[in-house]
Amino acid sequence: MINQNFLPQKGNVRSLRVYKVSKIIYDITYIFTRRFLNQGDRTIDQMVQASRSGKQNIVEGSKAATTSMETQIKLTNVAKASLQELLEDYEDFLRVRNLEIWDKECEKALLTRKFCAEHLNDAYYREAVKIRTAETVANIAIILIHQADVLLQGLIERQKKDFLEHGGIREQMTQARTAWRNKSK
């Protein structure tokens, strides 16, 4: 009989809150760059790719986790880094256009943070950002990126804990092989 704990498949990444938030960030960024940046501006591709990288590396890391916790942690950190790059692009956009970067304690930011923490319907955001100003959309994206950053840091901490508790693939393979041999005797 094969050890059922050997190479366990991980859960559905699409159910993770951090995945849902990163998907919303991608959608907002895609629409934002087409609405507010000039066609041909290299920043469009950079922002869309950074937002895509944030989302896709969460997925790839989750799938890699079956055989490599190291790869999972690295890719989760790449997702975090990509979203930090995107954060810088949104802040640059606002700063160079003399638009307001909302202070985290201002009423608009507090209300938006609360709304974003409670609502993960990506279709809602896709419609909402089509009618908001560049300043508002950029600040919504900034708030969501900060929320994703906290979630990604928590995910990295959980992944590190899982590694410490269960070991890596080589350890698991050795344990499974040893257990199999002991049962076969």
N, C-alpha and C. Protein backbone atom coordinates (compact mmCIF):
# COMPACT_ATOMS: atom_id res chain seq x y z
N MET A 1 0.84 -1.19 0.00
CA MET A 1 0.00 0.00 0.00
C MET A 1 0.89 1.25 0.00
N ILE A 2 0.54 2.22 -0.82
CA ILE A 2 1.32 3.45 -0.96
C ILE A 2 0.92 4.43 0.14
N ASN A 3 1.91 5.10 0.71
CA ASN A 3 1.68 6.12 1.73
C ASN A 3 0.86 7.26 1.10
N GLN A 4 -0.32 7.52 1.66
CA GLN A 4 -1.21 8.54 1.10
C GLN A 4 -0.68 9.96 1.32
N ASN A 5 0.25 10.13 2.26
CA ASN A 5 0.81 11.46 2.51
C ASN A 5 1.98 11.79 1.59
N PHE A 6 2.38 10.82 0.77
CA PHE A 6 3.51 11.02 -0.12
C PHE A 6 3.07 11.86 -1.31
N LEU A 7 3.71 12.97 -1.53
CA LEU A 7 3.40 13.93 -2.60
C LEU A 7 1.92 14.33 -2.59
N PRO A 8 1.45 14.87 -1.48
CA PRO A 8 0.04 15.28 -1.44
C PRO A 8 -0.22 16.44 -2.39
N GLN A 9 -1.35 16.40 -3.06
CA GLN A 9 -1.74 17.50 -3.93
C GLN A 9 -2.24 18.65 -3.06
N LYS A 10 -1.91 19.83 -3.46
CA LYS A 10 -2.31 21.01 -2.70
C LYS A 10 -3.73 21.40 -3.08
N GLY A 11 -4.32 22.30 -2.28
CA GLY A 11 -5.70 22.73 -2.50
C GLY A 11 -5.86 23.60 -3.74
N ASN A 12 -7.06 24.04 -3.94
CA ASN A 12 -7.42 24.87 -5.09
C ASN A 12 -6.94 26.31 -4.87
N VAL A 13 -5.92 26.71 -5.61
CA VAL A 13 -5.33 28.05 -5.45
C VAL A 13 -6.35 29.15 -5.73
N ARG A 14 -7.31 28.87 -6.59
CA ARG A 14 -8.30 29.90 -6.94
C ARG A 14 -9.23 30.23 -5.78
N SER A 15 -9.23 29.41 -4.76
CA SER A 15 -10.06 29.69 -3.59
C SER A 15 -9.33 30.57 -2.57
N LEU A 16 -8.03 30.76 -2.76
CA LEU A 16 -7.27 31.58 -1.83
C LEU A 16 -7.64 33.06 -1.98
N ARG A 17 -7.79 33.74 -0.88
CA ARG A 17 -8.09 35.17 -0.90
C ARG A 17 -7.02 35.95 -1.67
N VAL A 18 -5.75 35.60 -1.44
CA VAL A 18 -4.66 36.33 -2.10
C VAL A 18 -4.74 36.15 -3.62
N TYR A 19 -5.16 34.99 -4.10
CA TYR A 19 -5.33 34.81 -5.54
C TYR A 19 -6.45 35.71 -6.05
N LYS A 20 -7.56 35.76 -5.34
CA LYS A 20 -8.70 36.58 -5.76
C LYS A 20 -8.32 38.06 -5.80
N VAL A 21 -7.58 38.51 -4.80
CA VAL A 21 -7.15 39.92 -4.78
C VAL A 21 -6.19 40.18 -5.93
N SER A 22 -5.26 39.27 -6.17
CA SER A 22 -4.30 39.47 -7.27
C SER A 22 -4.99 39.46 -8.63
N LYS A 23 -6.04 38.69 -8.76
CA LYS A 23 -6.82 38.68 -10.01
C LYS A 23 -7.50 40.04 -10.22
N ILE A 24 -8.05 40.61 -9.15
CA ILE A 24 -8.67 41.93 -9.23
C ILE A 24 -7.62 42.98 -9.60
N ILE A 25 -6.43 42.88 -9.00
CA ILE A 25 -5.35 43.82 -9.33
C ILE A 25 -4.99 43.73 -10.81
N TYR A 26 -4.90 42.52 -11.33
CA TYR A 26 -4.61 42.35 -12.76
C TYR A 26 -5.70 43.01 -13.60
N ASP A 27 -6.95 42.71 -13.29
CA ASP A 27 -8.06 43.27 -14.07
C ASP A 27 -8.06 44.80 -14.04
N ILE A 28 -7.88 45.36 -12.85
CA ILE A 28 -7.84 46.82 -12.72
C ILE A 28 -6.69 47.40 -13.54
N THR A 29 -5.53 46.77 -13.43
CA THR A 29 -4.35 47.27 -14.14
C THR A 29 -4.54 47.21 -15.65
N TYR A 30 -5.11 46.14 -16.12
CA TYR A 30 -5.35 46.00 -17.56
C TYR A 30 -6.24 47.15 -18.05
N ILE A 31 -7.31 47.40 -17.34
CA ILE A 31 -8.24 48.47 -17.75
C ILE A 31 -7.59 49.85 -17.55
N PHE A 32 -6.94 50.05 -16.42
CA PHE A 32 -6.29 51.31 -16.10
C PHE A 32 -5.30 51.72 -17.19
N THR A 33 -4.43 50.80 -17.58
CA THR A 33 -3.39 51.15 -18.56
C THR A 33 -3.98 51.51 -19.91
N ARG A 34 -5.07 50.89 -20.27
CA ARG A 34 -5.70 51.20 -21.55
C ARG A 34 -6.49 52.51 -21.50
N ARG A 35 -7.00 52.84 -20.34
CA ARG A 35 -7.77 54.08 -20.19
C ARG A 35 -6.88 55.31 -20.01
N PHE A 36 -5.81 55.17 -19.23
CA PHE A 36 -5.10 56.36 -18.76
C PHE A 36 -3.67 56.52 -19.27
N LEU A 37 -3.16 55.55 -19.97
CA LEU A 37 -1.81 55.68 -20.54
C LEU A 37 -1.91 55.72 -22.06
N ASN A 38 -0.97 56.42 -22.68
CA ASN A 38 -0.98 56.55 -24.14
C ASN A 38 -0.53 55.25 -24.79
N GLN A 39 -1.25 54.88 -25.85
CA GLN A 39 -0.88 53.67 -26.59
C GLN A 39 0.58 53.79 -27.04
N GLY A 40 1.32 52.72 -26.88
CA GLY A 40 2.73 52.72 -27.22
C GLY A 40 3.64 53.00 -26.04
N ASP A 41 3.07 53.45 -24.94
CA ASP A 41 3.84 53.71 -23.73
C ASP A 41 4.32 52.36 -23.16
N ARG A 42 5.63 52.22 -22.98
CA ARG A 42 6.19 50.96 -22.46
C ARG A 42 5.66 50.62 -21.07
N THR A 43 5.23 51.63 -20.35
CA THR A 43 4.71 51.40 -19.00
C THR A 43 3.49 50.49 -19.03
N ILE A 44 2.71 50.54 -20.11
CA ILE A 44 1.53 49.67 -20.22
C ILE A 44 1.94 48.22 -20.08
N ASP A 45 2.88 47.79 -20.92
CA ASP A 45 3.33 46.39 -20.86
C ASP A 45 3.95 46.06 -19.52
N GLN A 46 4.74 46.97 -18.98
CA GLN A 46 5.41 46.70 -17.70
C GLN A 46 4.40 46.54 -16.57
N MET A 47 3.40 47.40 -16.53
CA MET A 47 2.40 47.32 -15.47
C MET A 47 1.54 46.07 -15.62
N VAL A 48 1.11 45.80 -16.84
CA VAL A 48 0.28 44.61 -17.06
C VAL A 48 1.08 43.35 -16.74
N GLN A 49 2.34 43.30 -17.15
CA GLN A 49 3.16 42.12 -16.87
C GLN A 49 3.44 41.97 -15.38
N ALA A 50 3.66 43.05 -14.67
CA ALA A 50 3.89 42.97 -13.23
C ALA A 50 2.63 42.45 -12.52
N SER A 51 1.47 42.95 -12.94
CA SER A 51 0.22 42.48 -12.31
C SER A 51 -0.04 41.03 -12.67
N ARG A 52 0.25 40.66 -13.91
CA ARG A 52 0.08 39.26 -14.33
C ARG A 52 1.04 38.36 -13.57
N SER A 53 2.27 38.80 -13.41
CA SER A 53 3.27 38.03 -12.69
C SER A 53 2.84 37.80 -11.24
N GLY A 54 2.25 38.81 -10.63
CA GLY A 54 1.75 38.65 -9.27
C GLY A 54 0.76 37.51 -9.18
N LYS A 55 -0.18 37.50 -10.08
CA LYS A 55 -1.23 36.47 -10.09
C LYS A 55 -0.68 35.11 -10.52
N GLN A 56 0.04 35.08 -11.60
CA GLN A 56 0.49 33.81 -12.17
C GLN A 56 1.50 33.09 -11.26
N ASN A 57 2.34 33.84 -10.57
CA ASN A 57 3.33 33.19 -9.70
C ASN A 57 2.68 32.58 -8.46
N ILE A 58 1.54 33.10 -8.04
CA ILE A 58 0.79 32.45 -6.97
C ILE A 58 0.31 31.08 -7.46
N VAL A 59 -0.21 31.05 -8.67
CA VAL A 59 -0.70 29.80 -9.26
C VAL A 59 0.46 28.82 -9.45
N GLU A 60 1.52 29.28 -10.08
CA GLU A 60 2.66 28.41 -10.37
C GLU A 60 3.29 27.89 -9.09
N GLY A 61 3.43 28.74 -8.09
CA GLY A 61 4.00 28.31 -6.81
C GLY A 61 3.15 27.25 -6.15
N SER A 62 1.84 27.43 -6.22
CA SER A 62 0.93 26.45 -5.63
C SER A 62 1.06 25.10 -6.31
N LYS A 63 1.16 25.11 -7.62
CA LYS A 63 1.28 23.86 -8.37
C LYS A 63 2.64 23.21 -8.17
N ALA A 64 3.68 24.02 -8.00
CA ALA A 64 5.03 23.49 -7.79
C ALA A 64 5.18 22.90 -6.40
N ALA A 65 4.30 23.26 -5.48
CA ALA A 65 4.42 22.85 -4.08
C ALA A 65 4.41 21.35 -3.90
N THR A 66 3.78 20.63 -4.80
CA THR A 66 3.72 19.17 -4.67
C THR A 66 5.10 18.56 -4.64
N THR A 67 6.02 19.10 -5.44
CA THR A 67 7.35 18.51 -5.51
C THR A 67 8.47 19.43 -5.03
N SER A 68 8.16 20.72 -4.80
CA SER A 68 9.23 21.61 -4.37
C SER A 68 8.69 22.76 -3.52
N MET A 69 8.84 22.60 -2.22
CA MET A 69 8.43 23.69 -1.33
C MET A 69 9.34 24.90 -1.52
N GLU A 70 10.60 24.65 -1.87
CA GLU A 70 11.53 25.74 -2.14
C GLU A 70 11.03 26.58 -3.32
N THR A 71 10.62 25.92 -4.39
CA THR A 71 10.10 26.63 -5.56
C THR A 71 8.83 27.38 -5.20
N GLN A 72 7.98 26.75 -4.40
CA GLN A 72 6.74 27.40 -3.99
C GLN A 72 7.03 28.71 -3.25
N ILE A 73 7.94 28.67 -2.30
CA ILE A 73 8.28 29.87 -1.54
C ILE A 73 8.91 30.93 -2.45
N LYS A 74 9.81 30.50 -3.32
CA LYS A 74 10.45 31.45 -4.24
C LYS A 74 9.42 32.13 -5.14
N LEU A 75 8.49 31.36 -5.70
CA LEU A 75 7.49 31.93 -6.60
C LEU A 75 6.50 32.83 -5.87
N THR A 76 6.17 32.47 -4.64
CA THR A 76 5.31 33.35 -3.86
C THR A 76 6.01 34.67 -3.60
N ASN A 77 7.31 34.61 -3.35
CA ASN A 77 8.08 35.84 -3.15
C ASN A 77 8.20 36.64 -4.45
N VAL A 78 8.28 35.95 -5.59
CA VAL A 78 8.30 36.64 -6.89
C VAL A 78 6.97 37.38 -7.10
N ALA A 79 5.87 36.73 -6.72
CA ALA A 79 4.56 37.38 -6.82
C ALA A 79 4.55 38.66 -5.98
N LYS A 80 5.08 38.56 -4.78
CA LYS A 80 5.16 39.71 -3.87
C LYS A 80 6.01 40.83 -4.49
N ALA A 81 7.16 40.47 -5.02
CA ALA A 81 8.07 41.45 -5.63
C ALA A 81 7.43 42.10 -6.86
N SER A 82 6.74 41.32 -7.67
CA SER A 82 6.08 41.86 -8.86
C SER A 82 5.03 42.89 -8.48
N LEU A 83 4.27 42.59 -7.45
CA LEU A 83 3.25 43.54 -7.02
C LEU A 83 3.86 44.79 -6.40
N GLN A 84 5.03 44.67 -5.77
CA GLN A 84 5.73 45.85 -5.26
C GLN A 84 6.20 46.74 -6.42
N GLU A 85 6.66 46.11 -7.50
CA GLU A 85 7.04 46.87 -8.70
C GLU A 85 5.82 47.62 -9.25
N LEU A 86 4.69 46.93 -9.29
CA LEU A 86 3.46 47.56 -9.77
C LEU A 86 3.03 48.72 -8.87
N LEU A 87 3.17 48.54 -7.57
CA LEU A 87 2.86 49.60 -6.61
C LEU A 87 3.66 50.86 -6.94
N GLU A 88 4.93 50.67 -7.22
CA GLU A 88 5.80 51.80 -7.57
C GLU A 88 5.31 52.50 -8.84
N ASP A 89 4.84 51.72 -9.83
CA ASP A 89 4.32 52.31 -11.06
C ASP A 89 3.07 53.16 -10.80
N TYR A 90 2.17 52.64 -9.97
CA TYR A 90 0.97 53.43 -9.65
C TYR A 90 1.34 54.71 -8.88
N GLU A 91 2.25 54.60 -7.94
CA GLU A 91 2.67 55.79 -7.19
C GLU A 91 3.37 56.79 -8.10
N ASP A 92 4.20 56.29 -9.02
CA ASP A 92 4.86 57.18 -9.99
C ASP A 92 3.82 57.89 -10.86
N PHE A 93 2.83 57.15 -11.33
CA PHE A 93 1.77 57.73 -12.17
C PHE A 93 1.13 58.91 -11.45
N LEU A 94 0.76 58.69 -10.20
CA LEU A 94 0.09 59.76 -9.45
C LEU A 94 1.03 60.93 -9.18
N ARG A 95 2.24 60.64 -8.76
CA ARG A 95 3.19 61.69 -8.39
C ARG A 95 3.53 62.60 -9.57
N VAL A 96 3.89 62.03 -10.71
CA VAL A 96 4.33 62.86 -11.84
C VAL A 96 3.18 63.65 -12.47
N ARG A 97 1.96 63.27 -12.19
CA ARG A 97 0.80 64.00 -12.70
C ARG A 97 0.20 64.92 -11.64
N ASN A 98 0.90 65.03 -10.51
CA ASN A 98 0.42 65.86 -9.40
C ASN A 98 -0.97 65.46 -8.93
N LEU A 99 -1.22 64.17 -8.94
CA LEU A 99 -2.47 63.63 -8.41
C LEU A 99 -2.22 63.14 -6.99
N GLU A 100 -3.27 63.05 -6.22
CA GLU A 100 -3.13 62.69 -4.80
C GLU A 100 -2.89 61.19 -4.61
N ILE A 101 -1.88 60.89 -3.82
CA ILE A 101 -1.71 59.53 -3.29
C ILE A 101 -2.36 59.58 -1.92
N TRP A 102 -3.46 58.85 -1.77
CA TRP A 102 -4.23 58.93 -0.54
C TRP A 102 -3.40 58.52 0.66
N ASP A 103 -3.41 59.35 1.68
CA ASP A 103 -2.80 58.98 2.95
C ASP A 103 -3.59 57.80 3.50
N LYS A 104 -2.90 56.84 4.09
CA LYS A 104 -3.58 55.62 4.51
C LYS A 104 -4.64 55.85 5.58
N GLU A 105 -4.59 57.02 6.24
CA GLU A 105 -5.58 57.31 7.29
C GLU A 105 -6.67 58.28 6.84
N CYS A 106 -6.61 58.73 5.58
CA CYS A 106 -7.67 59.64 5.12
C CYS A 106 -8.97 58.85 4.93
N GLU A 107 -10.08 59.58 4.97
CA GLU A 107 -11.39 58.93 4.92
C GLU A 107 -11.57 58.08 3.65
N LYS A 108 -11.13 58.60 2.50
CA LYS A 108 -11.28 57.84 1.25
C LYS A 108 -10.53 56.51 1.33
N ALA A 109 -9.32 56.56 1.86
CA ALA A 109 -8.50 55.34 1.97
C ALA A 109 -9.12 54.36 2.95
N LEU A 110 -9.59 54.86 4.08
CA LEU A 110 -10.19 53.98 5.09
C LEU A 110 -11.44 53.28 4.54
N LEU A 111 -12.30 54.05 3.87
CA LEU A 111 -13.51 53.47 3.29
C LEU A 111 -13.17 52.45 2.18
N THR A 112 -12.20 52.81 1.36
CA THR A 112 -11.80 51.92 0.26
C THR A 112 -11.16 50.64 0.80
N ARG A 113 -10.30 50.78 1.80
CA ARG A 113 -9.67 49.59 2.41
C ARG A 113 -10.73 48.65 2.96
N LYS A 114 -11.71 49.22 3.65
CA LYS A 114 -12.79 48.40 4.23
C LYS A 114 -13.58 47.71 3.12
N PHE A 115 -13.92 48.46 2.08
CA PHE A 115 -14.67 47.87 0.97
C PHE A 115 -13.87 46.75 0.32
N CYS A 116 -12.60 47.01 0.02
CA CYS A 116 -11.77 46.02 -0.66
C CYS A 116 -11.56 44.77 0.20
N ALA A 117 -11.49 44.95 1.50
CA ALA A 117 -11.31 43.80 2.41
C ALA A 117 -12.55 42.92 2.44
N GLU A 118 -13.70 43.51 2.14
CA GLU A 118 -14.97 42.78 2.24
C GLU A 118 -15.52 42.30 0.90
N HIS A 119 -14.99 42.80 -0.20
CA HIS A 119 -15.56 42.49 -1.52
C HIS A 119 -14.49 41.95 -2.46
N LEU A 120 -14.74 40.75 -2.97
CA LEU A 120 -13.78 40.10 -3.87
C LEU A 120 -14.42 39.74 -5.22
N ASN A 121 -15.47 40.44 -5.59
CA ASN A 121 -16.14 40.18 -6.87
C ASN A 121 -15.39 40.92 -7.97
N ASP A 122 -14.57 40.18 -8.72
CA ASP A 122 -13.73 40.82 -9.74
C ASP A 122 -14.57 41.52 -10.81
N ALA A 123 -15.75 41.00 -11.13
CA ALA A 123 -16.61 41.64 -12.13
C ALA A 123 -17.03 43.03 -11.67
N TYR A 124 -17.30 43.19 -10.38
CA TYR A 124 -17.66 44.50 -9.85
C TYR A 124 -16.54 45.51 -10.10
N TYR A 125 -15.33 45.12 -9.77
CA TYR A 125 -14.18 46.02 -9.94
C TYR A 125 -13.96 46.38 -11.41
N ARG A 126 -14.11 45.40 -12.29
CA ARG A 126 -13.91 45.68 -13.73
C ARG A 126 -14.88 46.76 -14.21
N GLU A 127 -16.08 46.73 -13.73
CA GLU A 127 -17.06 47.76 -14.12
C GLU A 127 -16.79 49.07 -13.40
N ALA A 128 -16.50 49.00 -12.12
CA ALA A 128 -16.31 50.21 -11.32
C ALA A 128 -15.15 51.06 -11.82
N VAL A 129 -14.06 50.42 -12.22
CA VAL A 129 -12.89 51.21 -12.64
C VAL A 129 -13.08 51.84 -14.02
N LYS A 130 -14.08 51.43 -14.74
CA LYS A 130 -14.35 52.04 -16.05
C LYS A 130 -14.94 53.43 -15.93
N ILE A 131 -15.48 53.76 -14.76
CA ILE A 131 -16.15 55.06 -14.61
C ILE A 131 -15.50 55.95 -13.56
N ARG A 132 -14.44 55.51 -12.94
CA ARG A 132 -13.75 56.29 -11.91
C ARG A 132 -12.60 57.07 -12.55
N THR A 133 -12.13 58.07 -11.83
CA THR A 133 -11.01 58.88 -12.32
C THR A 133 -9.71 58.09 -12.20
N ALA A 134 -8.70 58.56 -12.91
CA ALA A 134 -7.38 57.93 -12.85
C ALA A 134 -6.86 57.93 -11.41
N GLU A 135 -7.03 59.04 -10.73
CA GLU A 135 -6.57 59.13 -9.34
C GLU A 135 -7.25 58.10 -8.46
N THR A 136 -8.55 57.96 -8.59
CA THR A 136 -9.29 57.00 -7.76
C THR A 136 -8.90 55.57 -8.09
N VAL A 137 -8.83 55.25 -9.37
CA VAL A 137 -8.48 53.88 -9.77
C VAL A 137 -7.08 53.52 -9.30
N ALA A 138 -6.13 54.43 -9.48
CA ALA A 138 -4.76 54.16 -9.04
C ALA A 138 -4.71 53.95 -7.53
N ASN A 139 -5.44 54.73 -6.78
CA ASN A 139 -5.45 54.57 -5.32
C ASN A 139 -6.14 53.28 -4.89
N ILE A 140 -7.19 52.89 -5.59
CA ILE A 140 -7.82 51.59 -5.31
C ILE A 140 -6.81 50.47 -5.55
N ALA A 141 -6.09 50.55 -6.66
CA ALA A 141 -5.07 49.53 -6.97
C ALA A 141 -4.00 49.50 -5.89
N ILE A 142 -3.56 50.68 -5.45
CA ILE A 142 -2.54 50.76 -4.40
C ILE A 142 -3.03 50.08 -3.11
N ILE A 143 -4.24 50.34 -2.74
CA ILE A 143 -4.81 49.72 -1.53
C ILE A 143 -4.86 48.20 -1.69
N LEU A 144 -5.31 47.74 -2.84
CA LEU A 144 -5.38 46.29 -3.07
C LEU A 144 -3.99 45.66 -3.08
N ILE A 145 -3.01 46.35 -3.63
CA ILE A 145 -1.64 45.83 -3.64
C ILE A 145 -1.12 45.71 -2.21
N HIS A 146 -1.39 46.70 -1.38
CA HIS A 146 -0.97 46.61 0.03
C HIS A 146 -1.65 45.42 0.71
N GLN A 147 -2.93 45.22 0.43
CA GLN A 147 -3.64 44.08 1.02
C GLN A 147 -3.05 42.76 0.53
N ALA A 148 -2.76 42.68 -0.76
CA ALA A 148 -2.16 41.46 -1.32
C ALA A 148 -0.78 41.22 -0.71
N ASP A 149 -0.03 42.28 -0.47
CA ASP A 149 1.30 42.15 0.11
C ASP A 149 1.22 41.51 1.50
N VAL A 150 0.28 41.96 2.31
CA VAL A 150 0.10 41.38 3.64
C VAL A 150 -0.31 39.90 3.52
N LEU A 151 -1.22 39.62 2.61
CA LEU A 151 -1.66 38.22 2.41
C LEU A 151 -0.51 37.35 1.91
N LEU A 152 0.29 37.87 1.00
CA LEU A 152 1.43 37.10 0.48
C LEU A 152 2.47 36.84 1.57
N GLN A 153 2.71 37.83 2.41
CA GLN A 153 3.66 37.61 3.51
C GLN A 153 3.14 36.52 4.44
N GLY A 154 1.85 36.54 4.72
CA GLY A 154 1.25 35.48 5.54
C GLY A 154 1.36 34.12 4.87
N LEU A 155 1.18 34.09 3.55
CA LEU A 155 1.31 32.84 2.81
C LEU A 155 2.74 32.32 2.87
N ILE A 156 3.70 33.20 2.72
CA ILE A 156 5.11 32.80 2.80
C ILE A 156 5.41 32.23 4.19
N GLU A 157 4.89 32.88 5.23
CA GLU A 157 5.12 32.39 6.59
C GLU A 157 4.51 31.00 6.76
N ARG A 158 3.32 30.79 6.22
CA ARG A 158 2.68 29.47 6.30
C ARG A 158 3.49 28.43 5.52
N GLN A 159 4.00 28.82 4.36
CA GLN A 159 4.80 27.90 3.55
C GLN A 159 6.09 27.53 4.28
N LYS A 160 6.71 28.48 4.94
CA LYS A 160 7.92 28.20 5.71
C LYS A 160 7.59 27.22 6.85
N LYS A 161 6.48 27.44 7.53
CA LYS A 161 6.06 26.56 8.62
C LYS A 161 5.80 25.15 8.09
N ASP A 162 5.11 25.06 6.95
CA ASP A 162 4.85 23.74 6.34
C ASP A 162 6.15 23.01 6.02
N PHE A 163 7.13 23.76 5.53
CA PHE A 163 8.43 23.14 5.22
C PHE A 163 9.08 22.60 6.50
N LEU A 164 9.06 23.40 7.54
CA LEU A 164 9.67 22.97 8.80
C LEU A 164 8.96 21.75 9.37
N GLU A 165 7.64 21.70 9.24
CA GLU A 165 6.87 20.58 9.79
C GLU A 165 6.97 19.32 8.95
N HIS A 166 7.01 19.46 7.63
CA HIS A 166 6.91 18.29 6.74
C HIS A 166 8.18 17.99 5.95
N GLY A 167 9.11 18.95 5.92
CA GLY A 167 10.32 18.73 5.15
C GLY A 167 10.08 18.92 3.66
N GLY A 168 11.15 18.77 2.92
CA GLY A 168 11.08 18.90 1.47
C GLY A 168 10.83 17.56 0.80
N ILE A 169 10.84 17.56 -0.51
CA ILE A 169 10.52 16.37 -1.29
C ILE A 169 11.49 15.22 -1.01
N ARG A 170 12.76 15.51 -0.86
CA ARG A 170 13.73 14.43 -0.60
C ARG A 170 13.46 13.76 0.72
N GLU A 171 13.18 14.57 1.74
CA GLU A 171 12.84 14.00 3.05
C GLU A 171 11.58 13.16 2.97
N GLN A 172 10.57 13.69 2.30
CA GLN A 172 9.30 12.97 2.17
C GLN A 172 9.48 11.67 1.38
N MET A 173 10.30 11.72 0.34
CA MET A 173 10.56 10.51 -0.45
C MET A 173 11.28 9.45 0.39
N THR A 174 12.26 9.88 1.16
CA THR A 174 13.00 8.95 2.02
C THR A 174 12.07 8.34 3.06
N GLN A 175 11.24 9.18 3.68
CA GLN A 175 10.31 8.68 4.69
C GLN A 175 9.31 7.70 4.08
N ALA A 176 8.80 8.01 2.90
CA ALA A 176 7.83 7.13 2.24
C ALA A 176 8.48 5.81 1.86
N ARG A 177 9.69 5.86 1.35
CA ARG A 177 10.41 4.64 0.96
C ARG A 177 10.72 3.79 2.19
N THR A 178 11.16 4.43 3.26
CA THR A 178 11.45 3.71 4.52
C THR A 178 10.19 3.05 5.06
N ALA A 179 9.11 3.79 5.08
CA ALA A 179 7.81 3.26 5.56
C ALA A 179 7.37 2.08 4.69
N TRP A 180 7.54 2.18 3.40
CA TRP A 180 7.16 1.11 2.49
C TRP A 180 7.99 -0.15 2.76
N ARG A 181 9.30 0.05 2.92
CA ARG A 181 10.19 -1.08 3.21
C ARG A 181 9.82 -1.76 4.52
N ASN A 182 9.53 -0.96 5.54
CA ASN A 182 9.18 -1.51 6.84
C ASN A 182 7.87 -2.31 6.80
N LYS A 183 6.93 -1.87 5.97
CA LYS A 183 5.66 -2.59 5.84
C LYS A 183 5.85 -3.87 5.04
N SER A 184 6.80 -3.87 4.13
CA SER A 184 7.03 -5.02 3.24
C SER A 184 7.74 -6.17 3.97
N LYS A 185 8.32 -5.94 5.12
CA LYS A 185 9.08 -6.96 5.85
C LYS A 185 8.18 -7.94 6.53
